[in-house]
Amino acid sequence: MTIVGLGMDATEVHRIAESLDRFGDRFLRRVFTDEEIAYCLRRRHPATHLAGRFAAKEAGMKAIGTGHAFGVLWRHLEVVRRGGPPQLQFHHAAGDHFKRLGASKALLTITHTDTL
């Protein structure tokens, strides 16, 4: 396997909780897919899981070399759970960049702490 990009990010849970409190659904719909929102809101502490996904998306943008530019939007990256570890999927402009790199699979790990 050849590694074509690497990204890492950590997000403070309280920042996501504050954004959720301040902007509510507008924040959720701008950053997360419907499936991500449904998954996180079913959890006891949604902000913790939202922060993990936020960081994963940031890391994914770094890994494909776009950051939040070149037409790549938050919702173009998606953390999915399908009976195993979380996976990062790339859609639309993010998917185009992912394919241009020759990438076929993204490896992802999400770590949670009380504050990050």
N, C-alpha and C. Protein backbone atom coordinates (compact mmCIF):
# COMPACT_ATOMS: atom_id res chain seq x y z
N MET A 1 0.85 -1.17 0.00
CA MET A 1 0.00 0.00 0.00
C MET A 1 0.90 1.24 0.00
N THR A 2 0.57 2.19 -0.85
CA THR A 2 1.29 3.45 -0.92
C THR A 2 0.46 4.53 -0.23
N ILE A 3 1.07 5.28 0.65
CA ILE A 3 0.39 6.38 1.32
C ILE A 3 0.52 7.62 0.44
N VAL A 4 -0.61 8.22 0.07
CA VAL A 4 -0.58 9.40 -0.80
C VAL A 4 -0.86 10.70 -0.05
N GLY A 5 -1.27 10.60 1.19
CA GLY A 5 -1.53 11.80 2.00
C GLY A 5 -1.76 11.42 3.44
N LEU A 6 -1.47 12.36 4.31
CA LEU A 6 -1.65 12.13 5.73
C LEU A 6 -2.20 13.40 6.36
N GLY A 7 -3.22 13.27 7.16
CA GLY A 7 -3.79 14.43 7.85
C GLY A 7 -4.07 14.09 9.29
N MET A 8 -3.93 15.10 10.14
CA MET A 8 -4.19 14.91 11.56
C MET A 8 -4.85 16.18 12.10
N ASP A 9 -5.79 16.02 13.01
CA ASP A 9 -6.43 17.18 13.60
C ASP A 9 -7.03 16.79 14.94
N ALA A 10 -7.17 17.74 15.81
CA ALA A 10 -7.85 17.57 17.10
C ALA A 10 -8.75 18.78 17.29
N THR A 11 -9.93 18.55 17.77
CA THR A 11 -10.91 19.61 17.96
C THR A 11 -11.40 19.62 19.39
N GLU A 12 -11.46 20.79 19.99
CA GLU A 12 -11.93 20.90 21.36
C GLU A 12 -13.45 20.72 21.40
N VAL A 13 -13.89 19.80 22.26
CA VAL A 13 -15.31 19.47 22.34
C VAL A 13 -16.14 20.70 22.70
N HIS A 14 -15.65 21.54 23.60
CA HIS A 14 -16.44 22.69 24.02
C HIS A 14 -16.70 23.66 22.86
N ARG A 15 -15.79 23.75 21.90
CA ARG A 15 -16.01 24.63 20.74
C ARG A 15 -17.16 24.11 19.87
N ILE A 16 -17.22 22.80 19.71
CA ILE A 16 -18.31 22.21 18.93
C ILE A 16 -19.62 22.37 19.70
N ALA A 17 -19.60 22.14 21.02
CA ALA A 17 -20.79 22.31 21.84
C ALA A 17 -21.30 23.75 21.77
N GLU A 18 -20.39 24.73 21.81
CA GLU A 18 -20.78 26.14 21.72
C GLU A 18 -21.39 26.45 20.35
N SER A 19 -20.81 25.91 19.29
CA SER A 19 -21.36 26.13 17.94
C SER A 19 -22.74 25.50 17.83
N LEU A 20 -22.90 24.33 18.41
CA LEU A 20 -24.19 23.66 18.40
C LEU A 20 -25.22 24.47 19.18
N ASP A 21 -24.85 24.99 20.33
CA ASP A 21 -25.77 25.81 21.13
C ASP A 21 -26.11 27.11 20.42
N ARG A 22 -25.13 27.73 19.82
CA ARG A 22 -25.33 29.05 19.20
C ARG A 22 -26.05 28.98 17.86
N PHE A 23 -25.66 28.00 17.01
CA PHE A 23 -26.19 27.96 15.64
C PHE A 23 -27.12 26.78 15.35
N GLY A 24 -27.15 25.81 16.25
CA GLY A 24 -28.08 24.69 16.14
C GLY A 24 -28.03 23.96 14.81
N ASP A 25 -29.21 23.79 14.24
CA ASP A 25 -29.38 23.03 13.01
C ASP A 25 -28.58 23.63 11.85
N ARG A 26 -28.45 24.95 11.83
CA ARG A 26 -27.68 25.60 10.76
C ARG A 26 -26.23 25.12 10.77
N PHE A 27 -25.63 25.01 11.93
CA PHE A 27 -24.27 24.50 12.07
C PHE A 27 -24.22 23.03 11.65
N LEU A 28 -25.12 22.23 12.18
CA LEU A 28 -25.12 20.80 11.86
C LEU A 28 -25.21 20.57 10.36
N ARG A 29 -26.15 21.23 9.70
CA ARG A 29 -26.40 21.00 8.26
C ARG A 29 -25.28 21.54 7.38
N ARG A 30 -24.53 22.50 7.87
CA ARG A 30 -23.42 23.04 7.09
C ARG A 30 -22.21 22.11 7.12
N VAL A 31 -22.02 21.43 8.24
CA VAL A 31 -20.79 20.66 8.45
C VAL A 31 -20.99 19.15 8.27
N PHE A 32 -22.11 18.62 8.70
CA PHE A 32 -22.29 17.17 8.78
C PHE A 32 -23.38 16.67 7.84
N THR A 33 -23.23 15.41 7.41
CA THR A 33 -24.26 14.79 6.58
C THR A 33 -25.43 14.37 7.47
N ASP A 34 -26.54 14.06 6.85
CA ASP A 34 -27.72 13.62 7.61
C ASP A 34 -27.41 12.38 8.45
N GLU A 35 -26.65 11.45 7.88
CA GLU A 35 -26.31 10.22 8.60
C GLU A 35 -25.40 10.51 9.79
N GLU A 36 -24.44 11.43 9.62
CA GLU A 36 -23.56 11.79 10.73
C GLU A 36 -24.36 12.46 11.85
N ILE A 37 -25.26 13.33 11.48
CA ILE A 37 -26.09 14.02 12.48
C ILE A 37 -26.92 13.01 13.26
N ALA A 38 -27.58 12.10 12.54
CA ALA A 38 -28.42 11.10 13.20
C ALA A 38 -27.59 10.24 14.15
N TYR A 39 -26.42 9.81 13.70
CA TYR A 39 -25.56 8.97 14.55
C TYR A 39 -25.17 9.71 15.83
N CYS A 40 -24.69 10.93 15.68
CA CYS A 40 -24.17 11.68 16.84
C CYS A 40 -25.29 12.08 17.81
N LEU A 41 -26.43 12.46 17.30
CA LEU A 41 -27.52 12.90 18.18
C LEU A 41 -28.13 11.75 18.97
N ARG A 42 -27.87 10.51 18.56
CA ARG A 42 -28.33 9.34 19.33
C ARG A 42 -27.43 9.05 20.52
N ARG A 43 -26.27 9.66 20.58
CA ARG A 43 -25.30 9.41 21.64
C ARG A 43 -25.60 10.25 22.87
N ARG A 44 -25.12 9.80 24.02
CA ARG A 44 -25.35 10.51 25.28
C ARG A 44 -24.74 11.91 25.24
N HIS A 45 -23.55 12.05 24.66
CA HIS A 45 -22.86 13.35 24.57
C HIS A 45 -22.58 13.66 23.09
N PRO A 46 -23.58 14.16 22.37
CA PRO A 46 -23.43 14.39 20.93
C PRO A 46 -22.22 15.25 20.56
N ALA A 47 -21.90 16.26 21.35
CA ALA A 47 -20.80 17.16 20.99
C ALA A 47 -19.48 16.42 20.91
N THR A 48 -19.28 15.42 21.74
CA THR A 48 -18.04 14.64 21.70
C THR A 48 -17.90 13.93 20.36
N HIS A 49 -18.98 13.33 19.89
CA HIS A 49 -18.95 12.58 18.64
C HIS A 49 -18.90 13.53 17.44
N LEU A 50 -19.57 14.65 17.55
CA LEU A 50 -19.49 15.66 16.48
C LEU A 50 -18.08 16.21 16.37
N ALA A 51 -17.43 16.44 17.51
CA ALA A 51 -16.06 16.96 17.49
C ALA A 51 -15.11 15.95 16.84
N GLY A 52 -15.29 14.69 17.13
CA GLY A 52 -14.46 13.66 16.50
C GLY A 52 -14.62 13.64 15.00
N ARG A 53 -15.84 13.78 14.54
CA ARG A 53 -16.09 13.81 13.09
C ARG A 53 -15.57 15.10 12.46
N PHE A 54 -15.72 16.19 13.17
CA PHE A 54 -15.19 17.47 12.68
C PHE A 54 -13.68 17.35 12.46
N ALA A 55 -12.98 16.80 13.45
CA ALA A 55 -11.53 16.63 13.36
C ALA A 55 -11.17 15.67 12.23
N ALA A 56 -11.94 14.61 12.06
CA ALA A 56 -11.67 13.64 10.99
C ALA A 56 -11.81 14.31 9.62
N LYS A 57 -12.81 15.16 9.47
CA LYS A 57 -13.01 15.87 8.20
C LYS A 57 -11.86 16.84 7.93
N GLU A 58 -11.44 17.56 8.97
CA GLU A 58 -10.28 18.46 8.83
C GLU A 58 -9.05 17.68 8.41
N ALA A 59 -8.82 16.55 9.06
CA ALA A 59 -7.66 15.72 8.73
C ALA A 59 -7.76 15.20 7.30
N GLY A 60 -8.95 14.84 6.89
CA GLY A 60 -9.15 14.36 5.52
C GLY A 60 -8.85 15.43 4.49
N MET A 61 -9.27 16.66 4.77
CA MET A 61 -8.98 17.78 3.87
C MET A 61 -7.48 18.02 3.77
N LYS A 62 -6.79 17.88 4.89
CA LYS A 62 -5.34 18.03 4.89
C LYS A 62 -4.69 16.90 4.09
N ALA A 63 -5.19 15.69 4.26
CA ALA A 63 -4.61 14.53 3.59
C ALA A 63 -4.71 14.63 2.07
N ILE A 64 -5.79 15.20 1.56
CA ILE A 64 -5.92 15.32 0.10
C ILE A 64 -5.32 16.63 -0.42
N GLY A 65 -4.82 17.45 0.51
CA GLY A 65 -4.08 18.65 0.12
C GLY A 65 -4.93 19.85 -0.26
N THR A 66 -6.20 19.84 0.11
CA THR A 66 -7.06 20.96 -0.27
C THR A 66 -7.36 21.90 0.88
N GLY A 67 -7.35 21.37 2.10
CA GLY A 67 -7.92 22.15 3.18
C GLY A 67 -9.37 22.43 2.82
N HIS A 68 -9.87 23.52 3.30
CA HIS A 68 -11.26 23.91 3.02
C HIS A 68 -11.26 24.87 1.83
N ALA A 69 -10.79 24.38 0.67
CA ALA A 69 -10.69 25.20 -0.54
C ALA A 69 -10.87 24.30 -1.76
N PHE A 70 -10.72 24.85 -2.93
CA PHE A 70 -10.83 24.12 -4.20
C PHE A 70 -12.18 23.44 -4.34
N GLY A 71 -13.23 24.07 -3.83
CA GLY A 71 -14.58 23.53 -3.94
C GLY A 71 -14.90 22.44 -2.95
N VAL A 72 -13.99 22.14 -2.03
CA VAL A 72 -14.22 21.10 -1.03
C VAL A 72 -14.99 21.69 0.14
N LEU A 73 -16.15 21.13 0.40
CA LEU A 73 -17.00 21.58 1.50
C LEU A 73 -17.02 20.52 2.60
N TRP A 74 -17.43 20.94 3.78
CA TRP A 74 -17.47 20.04 4.93
C TRP A 74 -18.24 18.76 4.63
N ARG A 75 -19.39 18.90 4.00
CA ARG A 75 -20.25 17.74 3.76
C ARG A 75 -19.71 16.83 2.66
N HIS A 76 -18.63 17.23 2.00
CA HIS A 76 -18.03 16.38 0.97
C HIS A 76 -17.20 15.26 1.58
N LEU A 77 -16.94 15.34 2.86
CA LEU A 77 -16.26 14.26 3.58
C LEU A 77 -17.25 13.72 4.60
N GLU A 78 -17.26 12.42 4.77
CA GLU A 78 -18.25 11.81 5.64
C GLU A 78 -17.64 10.65 6.42
N VAL A 79 -17.87 10.67 7.72
CA VAL A 79 -17.46 9.56 8.57
C VAL A 79 -18.63 8.59 8.65
N VAL A 80 -18.39 7.35 8.25
CA VAL A 80 -19.46 6.35 8.26
C VAL A 80 -19.06 5.19 9.16
N ARG A 81 -20.07 4.56 9.74
CA ARG A 81 -19.90 3.35 10.55
C ARG A 81 -20.75 2.27 9.91
N ARG A 82 -20.12 1.18 9.52
CA ARG A 82 -20.85 0.08 8.90
C ARG A 82 -20.46 -1.23 9.58
N GLY A 83 -20.73 -1.33 10.87
CA GLY A 83 -20.46 -2.56 11.59
C GLY A 83 -19.00 -2.82 11.91
N GLY A 84 -18.16 -1.82 11.76
CA GLY A 84 -16.74 -1.98 12.07
C GLY A 84 -16.19 -0.63 12.48
N PRO A 85 -14.89 -0.44 12.27
CA PRO A 85 -14.30 0.86 12.63
C PRO A 85 -14.83 1.96 11.72
N PRO A 86 -14.75 3.20 12.18
CA PRO A 86 -15.21 4.31 11.34
C PRO A 86 -14.38 4.40 10.07
N GLN A 87 -15.01 4.84 9.00
CA GLN A 87 -14.34 5.03 7.72
C GLN A 87 -14.60 6.44 7.24
N LEU A 88 -13.66 6.99 6.49
CA LEU A 88 -13.80 8.32 5.92
C LEU A 88 -14.07 8.17 4.44
N GLN A 89 -15.18 8.72 3.99
CA GLN A 89 -15.53 8.68 2.57
C GLN A 89 -15.47 10.09 2.00
N PHE A 90 -15.08 10.17 0.74
CA PHE A 90 -14.92 11.44 0.04
C PHE A 90 -15.95 11.51 -1.07
N HIS A 91 -16.69 12.63 -1.13
CA HIS A 91 -17.73 12.83 -2.14
C HIS A 91 -17.47 14.13 -2.89
N HIS A 92 -18.10 14.27 -4.04
CA HIS A 92 -18.08 15.51 -4.82
C HIS A 92 -16.66 16.01 -5.05
N ALA A 93 -16.38 17.27 -4.78
CA ALA A 93 -15.04 17.83 -5.05
C ALA A 93 -13.97 17.12 -4.24
N ALA A 94 -14.26 16.74 -3.01
CA ALA A 94 -13.28 16.01 -2.19
C ALA A 94 -13.00 14.65 -2.83
N GLY A 95 -14.03 14.01 -3.35
CA GLY A 95 -13.86 12.73 -4.03
C GLY A 95 -13.02 12.86 -5.29
N ASP A 96 -13.20 13.96 -6.01
CA ASP A 96 -12.40 14.20 -7.21
C ASP A 96 -10.92 14.33 -6.86
N HIS A 97 -10.61 15.09 -5.82
CA HIS A 97 -9.22 15.25 -5.38
C HIS A 97 -8.65 13.91 -4.89
N PHE A 98 -9.45 13.17 -4.16
CA PHE A 98 -9.06 11.86 -3.64
C PHE A 98 -8.65 10.95 -4.80
N LYS A 99 -9.48 10.89 -5.83
CA LYS A 99 -9.20 10.04 -6.99
C LYS A 99 -7.98 10.52 -7.77
N ARG A 100 -7.83 11.83 -7.90
CA ARG A 100 -6.68 12.39 -8.62
C ARG A 100 -5.36 11.99 -7.98
N LEU A 101 -5.39 11.82 -6.68
CA LEU A 101 -4.19 11.38 -5.96
C LEU A 101 -3.88 9.90 -6.20
N GLY A 102 -4.84 9.20 -6.78
CA GLY A 102 -4.69 7.76 -6.97
C GLY A 102 -5.06 6.97 -5.73
N ALA A 103 -5.76 7.59 -4.81
CA ALA A 103 -6.15 6.95 -3.55
C ALA A 103 -7.33 6.01 -3.78
N SER A 104 -7.37 4.95 -3.02
CA SER A 104 -8.48 4.01 -3.12
C SER A 104 -9.13 3.75 -1.77
N LYS A 105 -8.45 4.10 -0.68
CA LYS A 105 -8.97 3.81 0.66
C LYS A 105 -8.40 4.82 1.64
N ALA A 106 -9.22 5.25 2.58
CA ALA A 106 -8.77 6.15 3.64
C ALA A 106 -8.83 5.41 4.96
N LEU A 107 -7.75 5.44 5.70
CA LEU A 107 -7.71 4.84 7.03
C LEU A 107 -7.99 5.94 8.05
N LEU A 108 -8.77 5.62 9.07
CA LEU A 108 -9.21 6.63 10.02
C LEU A 108 -9.24 6.05 11.42
N THR A 109 -8.81 6.86 12.36
CA THR A 109 -9.01 6.54 13.77
C THR A 109 -9.51 7.82 14.44
N ILE A 110 -10.44 7.67 15.35
CA ILE A 110 -11.00 8.82 16.08
C ILE A 110 -10.77 8.57 17.56
N THR A 111 -10.18 9.55 18.24
CA THR A 111 -9.93 9.45 19.66
C THR A 111 -10.76 10.50 20.39
N HIS A 112 -11.37 10.13 21.48
CA HIS A 112 -12.16 11.06 22.28
C HIS A 112 -11.53 11.22 23.66
N THR A 113 -11.51 12.45 24.16
CA THR A 113 -11.17 12.69 25.55
C THR A 113 -12.25 13.61 26.09
N ASP A 114 -12.15 14.00 27.35
CA ASP A 114 -13.16 14.90 27.92
C ASP A 114 -13.13 16.27 27.25
N THR A 115 -11.97 16.69 26.76
CA THR A 115 -11.85 18.03 26.21
C THR A 115 -11.54 18.04 24.71
N LEU A 116 -10.99 16.97 24.20
CA LEU A 116 -10.65 16.89 22.75
C LEU A 116 -11.36 15.72 22.11
